[in-house]
Amino acid sequence: MEQSLSTLLASLEIVPLGEPQPLSGGDIAEVARLETRQGALVVKRDEAASLAAEAEGLRALRRANSGLIVPEVVAQQDEWLIMEALPQGGRRDPARLGEGLRTLHGVTGEHHGWPHDNHCGPTAQRNTPCRDGRVFQRDHRLVPLGEACAERGLLSSATRGALLDVAQRLESWLPDRPACLVHGDLWSGNVLTTPRGPAIIDPAVYYHYPEVDLAMLTLFGAPGEAFFEAYWDGDKPADWTRRETLFQLYPLLNHLLLFGGAYRAAVERAIARLAAD
């Protein structure tokens, strides 16, 4: 065991029972399960600033009291983040996930954004607060990611121009609204099934439109009709399909930036749909 981790555990009076065992999904940070006399823990190793932001996000999600399970942060120090390990298993409960996410999104802030920047995966995420959500989406999500992709030759000049046009026209159709607390990276892999109910992990939190989380769930999975019935509770926006496309565009641009041309066609299709509406 790394001496720095051993020292941190000793300062917390946590007694390990063996060595940390690597977990899958640790392609961005080193993630391991550690059995201890005090119970099972998850240990993550990464840059200190990234882990501090993750710990802050987990604590914010727990404070929301949404009914969703969020792992408790045991400690975060330097390159280590220690959390409770959540038991796996039980029955999927999409309705409870929908209800919990609706409650989470009921937590609102004065500005779109967050007091600190963080990361969505390995990509730096700018969270400069804005009063207007359309401005935030344009200036701190779509345009920076679009420019980063264009600089790497991943977007043609025509697609870049179409993206900027879509971003400039947000005020023409997307109403401003109070900013709500979002998980920020809620793809299906960050939703766990536990005996106590649905759990959410690995957040990239900020305040923004709730569709941030909904669109991410549908981009790489299908939460199901029961989820949406519980989430919307009879109040589904008439333009949900258009909003879904808009809020999928940022994660698609992020995947294009990270993984290359395999995502170019999906980005182009999303931009074309938004431009046509």
C-alpha atoms as a PDB file:
ATOM      1  CA  MET A   1       0.000   0.000   0.000  1.00  0.00           C
ATOM      2  CA  GLU A   2       1.206   3.510  -0.804  1.00  0.00           C
ATOM      3  CA  GLN A   3       2.713   5.127   2.274  1.00  0.00           C
ATOM      4  CA  SER A   4       0.700   8.328   1.822  1.00  0.00           C
ATOM      5  CA  LEU A   5      -2.555   6.332   1.794  1.00  0.00           C
ATOM      6  CA  SER A   6      -1.470   4.259   4.769  1.00  0.00           C
ATOM      7  CA  THR A   7      -0.674   7.445   6.703  1.00  0.00           C
ATOM      8  CA  LEU A   8      -4.044   8.985   5.829  1.00  0.00           C
ATOM      9  CA  LEU A   9      -5.919   5.850   6.926  1.00  0.00           C
ATOM     10  CA  ALA A  10      -3.994   5.792  10.198  1.00  0.00           C
ATOM     11  CA  SER A  11      -4.884   9.441  10.870  1.00  0.00           C
ATOM     12  CA  LEU A  12      -8.547   8.469  10.440  1.00  0.00           C
ATOM     13  CA  GLU A  13      -8.113   5.432  12.703  1.00  0.00           C
ATOM     14  CA  ILE A  14      -9.154   3.171   9.840  1.00  0.00           C
ATOM     15  CA  VAL A  15      -7.590  -0.293   9.897  1.00  0.00           C
ATOM     16  CA  PRO A  16      -7.214  -1.895   6.450  1.00  0.00           C
ATOM     17  CA  LEU A  17      -7.711  -5.626   5.953  1.00  0.00           C
ATOM     18  CA  GLY A  18      -5.385  -6.299   3.053  1.00  0.00           C
ATOM     19  CA  GLU A  19      -4.442  -4.326  -0.022  1.00  0.00           C
ATOM     20  CA  PRO A  20      -6.718  -2.116  -2.188  1.00  0.00           C
ATOM     21  CA  GLN A  21      -8.282  -4.143  -5.023  1.00  0.00           C
ATOM     22  CA  PRO A  22      -8.571  -2.292  -8.367  1.00  0.00           C
ATOM     23  CA  LEU A  23     -12.073  -1.635  -9.672  1.00  0.00           C
ATOM     24  CA  SER A  24     -13.160  -1.363 -13.292  1.00  0.00           C
ATOM     25  CA  GLY A  25     -13.884   2.099 -14.650  1.00  0.00           C
ATOM     26  CA  GLY A  26     -10.659   3.594 -13.369  1.00  0.00           C
ATOM     27  CA  ASP A  27      -9.434   4.785 -16.774  1.00  0.00           C
ATOM     28  CA  ILE A  28      -9.403   8.438 -15.658  1.00  0.00           C
ATOM     29  CA  ALA A  29      -8.340   7.939 -12.044  1.00  0.00           C
ATOM     30  CA  GLU A  30      -7.078   4.957 -10.081  1.00  0.00           C
ATOM     31  CA  VAL A  31     -10.052   3.436  -8.235  1.00  0.00           C
ATOM     32  CA  ALA A  32      -9.911   0.551  -5.767  1.00  0.00           C
ATOM     33  CA  ARG A  33     -12.008  -1.168  -3.108  1.00  0.00           C
ATOM     34  CA  LEU A  34     -10.473  -1.490   0.327  1.00  0.00           C
ATOM     35  CA  GLU A  35     -11.806  -3.761   3.033  1.00  0.00           C
ATOM     36  CA  THR A  36     -11.311  -2.367   6.536  1.00  0.00           C
ATOM     37  CA  ARG A  37     -12.402  -3.144  10.064  1.00  0.00           C
ATOM     38  CA  GLN A  38     -14.764  -0.186   9.774  1.00  0.00           C
ATOM     39  CA  GLY A  39     -16.356  -1.473   6.561  1.00  0.00           C
ATOM     40  CA  ALA A  40     -15.667  -1.442   2.834  1.00  0.00           C
ATOM     41  CA  LEU A  41     -14.340   1.756   1.276  1.00  0.00           C
ATOM     42  CA  VAL A  42     -13.643   3.047  -2.222  1.00  0.00           C
ATOM     43  CA  VAL A  43     -10.276   4.725  -2.646  1.00  0.00           C
ATOM     44  CA  LYS A  44      -9.609   7.002  -5.603  1.00  0.00           C
ATOM     45  CA  ARG A  45      -6.278   8.499  -6.611  1.00  0.00           C
ATOM     46  CA  ASP A  46      -6.049  11.510  -8.938  1.00  0.00           C
ATOM     47  CA  GLU A  47      -4.992  15.153  -9.033  1.00  0.00           C
ATOM     48  CA  ALA A  48      -5.845  16.860  -5.753  1.00  0.00           C
ATOM     49  CA  ALA A  49      -7.927  19.633  -7.356  1.00  0.00           C
ATOM     50  CA  SER A  50     -10.035  17.140  -9.306  1.00  0.00           C
ATOM     51  CA  LEU A  51     -10.699  15.033  -6.221  1.00  0.00           C
ATOM     52  CA  ALA A  52     -11.538  18.096  -4.124  1.00  0.00           C
ATOM     53  CA  ALA A  53     -14.136  19.078  -6.723  1.00  0.00           C
ATOM     54  CA  GLU A  54     -15.589  15.558  -6.734  1.00  0.00           C
ATOM     55  CA  ALA A  55     -15.795  15.506  -2.941  1.00  0.00           C
ATOM     56  CA  GLU A  56     -17.520  18.900  -2.990  1.00  0.00           C
ATOM     57  CA  GLY A  57     -20.002  17.593  -5.544  1.00  0.00           C
ATOM     58  CA  LEU A  58     -20.792  14.455  -3.572  1.00  0.00           C
ATOM     59  CA  ARG A  59     -21.431  16.512  -0.452  1.00  0.00           C
ATOM     60  CA  ALA A  60     -23.720  18.864  -2.395  1.00  0.00           C
ATOM     61  CA  LEU A  61     -25.722  15.908  -3.713  1.00  0.00           C
ATOM     62  CA  ARG A  62     -26.057  14.435  -0.226  1.00  0.00           C
ATOM     63  CA  ARG A  63     -27.245  17.780   1.185  1.00  0.00           C
ATOM     64  CA  ALA A  64     -30.038  17.809  -1.399  1.00  0.00           C
ATOM     65  CA  ASN A  65     -31.793  14.952   0.451  1.00  0.00           C
ATOM     66  CA  SER A  66     -33.256  13.724  -2.827  1.00  0.00           C
ATOM     67  CA  GLY A  67     -33.809  10.141  -1.689  1.00  0.00           C
ATOM     68  CA  LEU A  68     -31.109   8.959  -4.081  1.00  0.00           C
ATOM     69  CA  ILE A  69     -28.159   7.164  -2.506  1.00  0.00           C
ATOM     70  CA  VAL A  70     -24.908   9.154  -2.644  1.00  0.00           C
ATOM     71  CA  PRO A  71     -21.676   7.732  -1.196  1.00  0.00           C
ATOM     72  CA  GLU A  72     -20.433   9.498   1.910  1.00  0.00           C
ATOM     73  CA  VAL A  73     -17.063  11.188   1.645  1.00  0.00           C
ATOM     74  CA  VAL A  74     -14.837   9.833   4.412  1.00  0.00           C
ATOM     75  CA  ALA A  75     -11.827  12.006   3.586  1.00  0.00           C
ATOM     76  CA  GLN A  76     -10.153  13.896   0.769  1.00  0.00           C
ATOM     77  CA  GLN A  77      -6.518  14.823   1.105  1.00  0.00           C
ATOM     78  CA  ASP A  78      -3.924  15.526  -1.564  1.00  0.00           C
ATOM     79  CA  GLU A  79      -4.157  12.819  -4.244  1.00  0.00           C
ATOM     80  CA  TRP A  80      -6.578  10.602  -2.273  1.00  0.00           C
ATOM     81  CA  LEU A  81     -10.366  10.510  -2.008  1.00  0.00           C
ATOM     82  CA  ILE A  82     -11.890   7.955   0.374  1.00  0.00           C
ATOM     83  CA  MET A  83     -15.609   7.160   0.189  1.00  0.00           C
ATOM     84  CA  GLU A  84     -17.974   4.569   1.518  1.00  0.00           C
ATOM     85  CA  ALA A  85     -18.383   1.575  -0.784  1.00  0.00           C
ATOM     86  CA  LEU A  86     -21.978   1.095  -1.877  1.00  0.00           C
ATOM     87  CA  PRO A  87     -23.360  -2.450  -1.924  1.00  0.00           C
ATOM     88  CA  GLN A  88     -24.458  -3.619  -5.370  1.00  0.00           C
ATOM     89  CA  GLY A  89     -27.625  -5.516  -6.136  1.00  0.00           C
ATOM     90  CA  GLY A  90     -31.343  -5.241  -5.634  1.00  0.00           C
ATOM     91  CA  ARG A  91     -34.057  -4.391  -8.122  1.00  0.00           C
ATOM     92  CA  ARG A  92     -33.837  -1.533 -10.617  1.00  0.00           C
ATOM     93  CA  ASP A  93     -36.343   1.132  -9.685  1.00  0.00           C
ATOM     94  CA  PRO A  94     -36.613   3.672 -12.517  1.00  0.00           C
ATOM     95  CA  ALA A  95     -39.614   5.394 -10.931  1.00  0.00           C
ATOM     96  CA  ARG A  96     -37.671   6.027  -7.735  1.00  0.00           C
ATOM     97  CA  LEU A  97     -34.753   7.320  -9.795  1.00  0.00           C
ATOM     98  CA  GLY A  98     -37.123   9.720 -11.544  1.00  0.00           C
ATOM     99  CA  GLU A  99     -38.658  10.913  -8.279  1.00  0.00           C
ATOM    100  CA  GLY A 100     -35.249  11.379  -6.709  1.00  0.00           C
ATOM    101  CA  LEU A 101     -33.872  13.300  -9.654  1.00  0.00           C
ATOM    102  CA  ARG A 102     -36.951  15.569  -9.669  1.00  0.00           C
ATOM    103  CA  THR A 103     -36.310  16.316  -5.984  1.00  0.00           C
ATOM    104  CA  LEU A 104     -32.625  16.963  -6.667  1.00  0.00           C
ATOM    105  CA  HIS A 105     -33.534  19.413  -9.417  1.00  0.00           C
ATOM    106  CA  GLY A 106     -35.788  21.222  -6.977  1.00  0.00           C
ATOM    107  CA  VAL A 107     -32.644  22.599  -5.301  1.00  0.00           C
ATOM    108  CA  THR A 108     -32.014  25.951  -6.978  1.00  0.00           C
ATOM    109  CA  GLY A 109     -29.259  28.548  -6.985  1.00  0.00           C
ATOM    110  CA  GLU A 110     -29.022  32.243  -7.823  1.00  0.00           C
ATOM    111  CA  HIS A 111     -26.772  31.663 -10.841  1.00  0.00           C
ATOM    112  CA  HIS A 112     -26.154  29.089 -13.530  1.00  0.00           C
ATOM    113  CA  GLY A 113     -22.701  27.649 -12.854  1.00  0.00           C
ATOM    114  CA  TRP A 114     -20.777  26.813  -9.711  1.00  0.00           C
ATOM    115  CA  PRO A 115     -18.345  28.639  -7.411  1.00  0.00           C
ATOM    116  CA  HIS A 116     -15.476  26.529  -8.787  1.00  0.00           C
ATOM    117  CA  ASP A 117     -14.555  24.987 -12.109  1.00  0.00           C
ATOM    118  CA  ASN A 118     -14.475  21.189 -12.239  1.00  0.00           C
ATOM    119  CA  HIS A 119     -14.173  18.397 -14.796  1.00  0.00           C
ATOM    120  CA  CYS A 120     -16.546  16.337 -16.909  1.00  0.00           C
ATOM    121  CA  GLY A 121     -14.441  13.226 -17.307  1.00  0.00           C
ATOM    122  CA  PRO A 122     -10.924  14.528 -17.953  1.00  0.00           C
ATOM    123  CA  THR A 123     -12.189  17.694 -19.683  1.00  0.00           C
ATOM    124  CA  ALA A 124     -11.934  20.941 -17.736  1.00  0.00           C
ATOM    125  CA  GLN A 125     -15.406  22.379 -17.196  1.00  0.00           C
ATOM    126  CA  ARG A 126     -15.799  26.147 -16.865  1.00  0.00           C
ATOM    127  CA  ASN A 127     -18.471  27.098 -14.321  1.00  0.00           C
ATOM    128  CA  THR A 128     -18.280  30.910 -14.260  1.00  0.00           C
ATOM    129  CA  PRO A 129     -21.644  31.982 -12.784  1.00  0.00           C
ATOM    130  CA  CYS A 130     -24.204  33.602 -15.109  1.00  0.00           C
ATOM    131  CA  ARG A 131     -27.647  34.994 -14.371  1.00  0.00           C
ATOM    132  CA  ASP A 132     -28.986  33.795 -17.747  1.00  0.00           C
ATOM    133  CA  GLY A 133     -28.850  30.072 -18.505  1.00  0.00           C
ATOM    134  CA  ARG A 134     -28.744  30.644 -22.264  1.00  0.00           C
ATOM    135  CA  VAL A 135     -25.591  32.733 -21.872  1.00  0.00           C
ATOM    136  CA  PHE A 136     -24.053  30.074 -19.637  1.00  0.00           C
ATOM    137  CA  GLN A 137     -24.828  27.287 -22.106  1.00  0.00           C
ATOM    138  CA  ARG A 138     -23.407  29.280 -25.003  1.00  0.00           C
ATOM    139  CA  ASP A 139     -20.312  30.826 -23.387  1.00  0.00           C
ATOM    140  CA  HIS A 140     -19.254  28.052 -21.002  1.00  0.00           C
ATOM    141  CA  ARG A 141     -20.433  24.879 -22.699  1.00  0.00           C
ATOM    142  CA  LEU A 142     -21.072  24.894 -26.455  1.00  0.00           C
ATOM    143  CA  VAL A 143     -18.620  27.518 -27.716  1.00  0.00           C
ATOM    144  CA  PRO A 144     -15.546  26.452 -25.677  1.00  0.00           C
ATOM    145  CA  LEU A 145     -15.991  22.776 -26.576  1.00  0.00           C
ATOM    146  CA  GLY A 146     -16.729  23.601 -30.206  1.00  0.00           C
ATOM    147  CA  GLU A 147     -13.625  25.759 -30.481  1.00  0.00           C
ATOM    148  CA  ALA A 148     -11.489  23.084 -28.817  1.00  0.00           C
ATOM    149  CA  CYS A 149     -12.750  20.481 -31.316  1.00  0.00           C
ATOM    150  CA  ALA A 150     -12.195  22.837 -34.258  1.00  0.00           C
ATOM    151  CA  GLU A 151      -8.640  23.575 -33.150  1.00  0.00           C
ATOM    152  CA  ARG A 152      -7.883  19.842 -33.282  1.00  0.00           C
ATOM    153  CA  GLY A 153      -9.381  19.508 -36.737  1.00  0.00           C
ATOM    154  CA  LEU A 154     -12.388  17.561 -35.475  1.00  0.00           C
ATOM    155  CA  LEU A 155     -14.999  20.021 -36.795  1.00  0.00           C
ATOM    156  CA  SER A 156     -15.138  21.429 -40.299  1.00  0.00           C
ATOM    157  CA  SER A 157     -15.417  25.198 -40.699  1.00  0.00           C
ATOM    158  CA  ALA A 158     -19.004  24.748 -41.903  1.00  0.00           C
ATOM    159  CA  THR A 159     -19.985  22.660 -38.863  1.00  0.00           C
ATOM    160  CA  ARG A 160     -18.223  25.090 -36.544  1.00  0.00           C
ATOM    161  CA  GLY A 161     -20.184  27.950 -38.102  1.00  0.00           C
ATOM    162  CA  ALA A 162     -23.462  26.071 -37.755  1.00  0.00           C
ATOM    163  CA  LEU A 163     -22.690  25.340 -34.108  1.00  0.00           C
ATOM    164  CA  LEU A 164     -21.979  29.013 -33.382  1.00  0.00           C
ATOM    165  CA  ASP A 165     -25.249  29.946 -35.094  1.00  0.00           C
ATOM    166  CA  VAL A 166     -27.177  27.451 -32.942  1.00  0.00           C
ATOM    167  CA  ALA A 167     -25.502  28.857 -29.832  1.00  0.00           C
ATOM    168  CA  GLN A 168     -26.316  32.442 -30.782  1.00  0.00           C
ATOM    169  CA  ARG A 169     -30.016  31.632 -31.325  1.00  0.00           C
ATOM    170  CA  LEU A 170     -30.725  30.033 -27.935  1.00  0.00           C
ATOM    171  CA  GLU A 171     -32.631  33.078 -26.658  1.00  0.00           C
ATOM    172  CA  SER A 172     -35.041  32.784 -29.591  1.00  0.00           C
ATOM    173  CA  TRP A 173     -36.598  29.565 -28.296  1.00  0.00           C
ATOM    174  CA  LEU A 174     -35.182  28.408 -24.965  1.00  0.00           C
ATOM    175  CA  PRO A 175     -36.779  30.231 -22.016  1.00  0.00           C
ATOM    176  CA  ASP A 176     -34.587  31.254 -19.136  1.00  0.00           C
ATOM    177  CA  ARG A 177     -35.364  29.536 -15.847  1.00  0.00           C
ATOM    178  CA  PRO A 178     -34.033  29.311 -12.295  1.00  0.00           C
ATOM    179  CA  ALA A 179     -30.844  27.281 -12.159  1.00  0.00           C
ATOM    180  CA  CYS A 180     -31.192  23.875 -10.491  1.00  0.00           C
ATOM    181  CA  LEU A 181     -28.613  21.557  -9.024  1.00  0.00           C
ATOM    182  CA  VAL A 182     -27.530  18.969 -11.582  1.00  0.00           C
ATOM    183  CA  HIS A 183     -25.301  15.914 -11.273  1.00  0.00           C
ATOM    184  CA  GLY A 184     -23.563  17.045 -14.452  1.00  0.00           C
ATOM    185  CA  ASP A 185     -22.323  13.678 -15.788  1.00  0.00           C
ATOM    186  CA  LEU A 186     -25.318  11.406 -15.326  1.00  0.00           C
ATOM    187  CA  TRP A 187     -24.712   8.715 -17.904  1.00  0.00           C
ATOM    188  CA  SER A 188     -25.977   5.230 -17.104  1.00  0.00           C
ATOM    189  CA  GLY A 189     -22.608   4.105 -15.719  1.00  0.00           C
ATOM    190  CA  ASN A 190     -22.895   6.678 -12.947  1.00  0.00           C
ATOM    191  CA  VAL A 191     -26.258   5.273 -11.795  1.00  0.00           C
ATOM    192  CA  LEU A 192     -25.966   2.203  -9.572  1.00  0.00           C
ATOM    193  CA  THR A 193     -28.562  -0.241  -8.291  1.00  0.00           C
ATOM    194  CA  THR A 194     -28.200  -0.901  -4.580  1.00  0.00           C
ATOM    195  CA  PRO A 195     -30.393  -2.729  -2.032  1.00  0.00           C
ATOM    196  CA  ARG A 196     -31.328   0.699  -0.642  1.00  0.00           C
ATOM    197  CA  GLY A 197     -32.388   2.080  -4.018  1.00  0.00           C
ATOM    198  CA  PRO A 198     -30.822   3.962  -6.957  1.00  0.00           C
ATOM    199  CA  ALA A 199     -27.439   5.544  -6.298  1.00  0.00           C
ATOM    200  CA  ILE A 200     -25.531   8.244  -8.185  1.00  0.00           C
ATOM    201  CA  ILE A 201     -21.739   8.573  -8.251  1.00  0.00           C
ATOM    202  CA  ASP A 202     -18.906  10.535  -9.958  1.00  0.00           C
ATOM    203  CA  PRO A 203     -20.625  13.931 -10.199  1.00  0.00           C
ATOM    204  CA  ALA A 204     -19.535  17.074 -12.042  1.00  0.00           C
ATOM    205  CA  VAL A 205     -22.059  19.306 -10.291  1.00  0.00           C
ATOM    206  CA  TYR A 206     -23.230  22.806 -11.107  1.00  0.00           C
ATOM    207  CA  TYR A 207     -26.497  24.741 -11.371  1.00  0.00           C
ATOM    208  CA  HIS A 208     -28.181  24.796 -14.779  1.00  0.00           C
ATOM    209  CA  TYR A 209     -31.163  23.441 -16.712  1.00  0.00           C
ATOM    210  CA  PRO A 210     -32.444  20.074 -15.431  1.00  0.00           C
ATOM    211  CA  GLU A 211     -32.312  18.682 -18.972  1.00  0.00           C
ATOM    212  CA  VAL A 212     -28.533  18.418 -18.507  1.00  0.00           C
ATOM    213  CA  ASP A 213     -29.098  15.211 -16.535  1.00  0.00           C
ATOM    214  CA  LEU A 214     -32.081  13.931 -18.489  1.00  0.00           C
ATOM    215  CA  ALA A 215     -30.371  14.285 -21.860  1.00  0.00           C
ATOM    216  CA  MET A 216     -27.246  12.535 -20.604  1.00  0.00           C
ATOM    217  CA  LEU A 217     -29.330   9.601 -19.369  1.00  0.00           C
ATOM    218  CA  THR A 218     -30.952   9.173 -22.791  1.00  0.00           C
ATOM    219  CA  LEU A 219     -27.751   9.740 -24.777  1.00  0.00           C
ATOM    220  CA  PHE A 220     -26.119   6.464 -23.745  1.00  0.00           C
ATOM    221  CA  GLY A 221     -29.090   4.513 -22.439  1.00  0.00           C
ATOM    222  CA  ALA A 222     -32.853   4.425 -21.949  1.00  0.00           C
ATOM    223  CA  PRO A 223     -34.096   5.090 -18.398  1.00  0.00           C
ATOM    224  CA  GLY A 224     -37.580   3.924 -19.399  1.00  0.00           C
ATOM    225  CA  GLU A 225     -41.127   5.212 -19.382  1.00  0.00           C
ATOM    226  CA  ALA A 226     -41.576   4.697 -15.639  1.00  0.00           C
ATOM    227  CA  PHE A 227     -38.624   7.008 -15.026  1.00  0.00           C
ATOM    228  CA  PHE A 228     -40.079   9.795 -17.147  1.00  0.00           C
ATOM    229  CA  GLU A 229     -43.590   9.394 -15.750  1.00  0.00           C
ATOM    230  CA  ALA A 230     -42.189   9.814 -12.244  1.00  0.00           C
ATOM    231  CA  TYR A 231     -39.855  12.636 -13.221  1.00  0.00           C
ATOM    232  CA  TRP A 232     -42.254  14.772 -15.264  1.00  0.00           C
ATOM    233  CA  ASP A 233     -45.261  14.074 -13.025  1.00  0.00           C
ATOM    234  CA  GLY A 234     -47.530  15.376 -15.787  1.00  0.00           C
ATOM    235  CA  ASP A 235     -45.386  18.439 -16.549  1.00  0.00           C
ATOM    236  CA  LYS A 236     -43.332  17.372 -19.575  1.00  0.00           C
ATOM    237  CA  PRO A 237     -42.144  20.339 -21.691  1.00  0.00           C
ATOM    238  CA  ALA A 238     -43.785  20.468 -25.117  1.00  0.00           C
ATOM    239  CA  ASP A 239     -40.366  20.944 -26.729  1.00  0.00           C
ATOM    240  CA  TRP A 240     -38.601  18.163 -24.812  1.00  0.00           C
ATOM    241  CA  THR A 241     -37.197  16.573 -27.995  1.00  0.00           C
ATOM    242  CA  ARG A 242     -35.530  19.846 -28.989  1.00  0.00           C
ATOM    243  CA  ARG A 243     -34.160  20.386 -25.483  1.00  0.00           C
ATOM    244  CA  GLU A 244     -32.902  16.810 -25.394  1.00  0.00           C
ATOM    245  CA  THR A 245     -30.929  17.403 -28.592  1.00  0.00           C
ATOM    246  CA  LEU A 246     -29.499  20.681 -27.294  1.00  0.00           C
ATOM    247  CA  PHE A 247     -28.318  19.289 -23.981  1.00  0.00           C
ATOM    248  CA  GLN A 248     -26.874  16.187 -25.632  1.00  0.00           C
ATOM    249  CA  LEU A 249     -24.705  18.400 -27.816  1.00  0.00           C
ATOM    250  CA  TYR A 250     -22.261  19.339 -25.043  1.00  0.00           C
ATOM    251  CA  PRO A 251     -21.476  15.721 -24.005  1.00  0.00           C
ATOM    252  CA  LEU A 252     -21.255  14.754 -27.689  1.00  0.00           C
ATOM    253  CA  LEU A 253     -18.721  17.531 -28.280  1.00  0.00           C
ATOM    254  CA  ASN A 254     -16.848  16.342 -25.200  1.00  0.00           C
ATOM    255  CA  HIS A 255     -16.741  12.775 -26.558  1.00  0.00           C
ATOM    256  CA  LEU A 256     -15.592  14.085 -29.938  1.00  0.00           C
ATOM    257  CA  LEU A 257     -12.791  15.984 -28.196  1.00  0.00           C
ATOM    258  CA  LEU A 258     -11.764  12.969 -26.109  1.00  0.00           C
ATOM    259  CA  PHE A 259     -12.251  10.057 -28.497  1.00  0.00           C
ATOM    260  CA  GLY A 260     -12.053  11.560 -31.966  1.00  0.00           C
ATOM    261  CA  GLY A 261     -13.924  11.200 -35.207  1.00  0.00           C
ATOM    262  CA  ALA A 262     -16.234   8.355 -34.205  1.00  0.00           C
ATOM    263  CA  TYR A 263     -18.489  11.013 -32.657  1.00  0.00           C
ATOM    264  CA  ARG A 264     -18.294  13.541 -35.512  1.00  0.00           C
ATOM    265  CA  ALA A 265     -21.414  12.301 -37.277  1.00  0.00           C
ATOM    266  CA  ALA A 266     -23.476  12.401 -34.066  1.00  0.00           C
ATOM    267  CA  VAL A 267     -22.351  15.981 -33.419  1.00  0.00           C
ATOM    268  CA  GLU A 268     -23.211  16.988 -36.975  1.00  0.00           C
ATOM    269  CA  ARG A 269     -26.662  15.367 -36.739  1.00  0.00           C
ATOM    270  CA  ALA A 270     -27.444  17.164 -33.462  1.00  0.00           C
ATOM    271  CA  ILE A 271     -26.382  20.522 -34.873  1.00  0.00           C
ATOM    272  CA  ALA A 272     -28.407  19.925 -38.054  1.00  0.00           C
ATOM    273  CA  ARG A 273     -31.544  19.084 -36.042  1.00  0.00           C
ATOM    274  CA  LEU A 274     -31.203  22.227 -33.941  1.00  0.00           C
ATOM    275  CA  ALA A 275     -30.507  24.387 -36.989  1.00  0.00           C
ATOM    276  CA  ALA A 276     -33.596  23.033 -38.754  1.00  0.00           C
ATOM    277  CA  ASP A 277     -36.027  23.758 -35.904  1.00  0.00           C
END
